């Protein structure tokens, strides 16, 4: 099946012009089309496993742009994930990525690791934090971890401020739970304002996308089953995510992965049918929002559309329309609003030089429109963009939910 689908590739080259990595490197082997041909050669035993082959397959942002634009309907995304798994089996994994996989593989490990990192942040000398980088991001620019994980700081069931109109499940993801709780608190307040009861399953864990990206399919499977079990028994109108990568996992990867494992995908498909990103949900319920009429001065904002928001949900256009409806916003669109920023999970760490070229271009174009806020609905994009800004750039990077919440009328 894999070989047959890869052979459907007509080598038309459309994937080259949407691939962020190819745009920088301009090498055929680093293009989606080139990677498919290497995978086919490997499957046919015409090409042996090697460190170089592993590097080529790994040098990908997993943005999904090639699959979204392929006229032959090839799912590059799943092909690359499967090839990465094979390369890890034959070539091994780097210690840093092994450590990440170990932490993400069990929620208690991740909780412990986040707590340890939070403590460590308080003891890093300023001269050290200013001198050294994690990938392309200076340590001094890394965000502080949440003092308390979001899920621990909230009840599992949260009631609305007014008459209940429905119930939603909120899948917080790791980044909001441990890193960006301003996003989570804002979303909870918005949903309460609208009249929704919110269920935050306490047993949820990593969505598994980072594990799948790095070839750890078995560990990913355990997390996937844990999340399905955590969500499936809650009767809700929608399952909401504030991170489109988590949404990609729940909506697309879970049913596909479960079915490929030979199990009944019924529960995964049931969950998939209810998954919606936060901004699309807000746009759908926009008439339920009441804004503070005393806010007269408009704030100038620009927007970066994350790759999974664009390719998995197509909701970047929905959000741009939503921005235009916000009475307190002056939207200034950049010329590259939907170009990749180079974050790509751990891509900014593994390939900092390539990532840096991408994000620097984004930053220059964002500065050109002279906005004061830069909005993006992906935590890794937020980390990457904010981490590469200079103090005198005068741009604050936020999730759109935080801005929307700040202008709501108090109930």
Foldseek 3Di string as FASTA:
>chain_A
DLLVLLVLQPPPCPQLVQFLLCVVVVDLCLTLNNLSVVLNCVVVVVDDQDPVNLVSLLLGLLLQPSCLPGPSNRRSSLVSLQVLLVNCVVPNDDPVLVLVLVQQLDVVSVVVVLVVVLVVLVVDDPVQQQPDAQQQFRNVLFAHWDPAFLPVVDDQKDFAPDAAPWEEEEAEADCCRIGVVLLVVLLVNVCSLLRYIYGYQPQQGHLLPSVSSNNNLVSSVVNLVSNLVSPQVDDGQAYEYLALVSLCSQQPVSLVSCVVVVHDSVSSNVNNVRYDYSLVVCLVSVVSFAFDPVQDAAAEEEEAERSSCCRVVVCPVVNVVVQVVDPRYDYQYFPPNDRHQQQSPCRSNVPVVSNVVSNVVVLVRRLVSPGQEYEYRHPSSQSSNSSPDDPPSNYHYDHVSSVSSVGTDDD
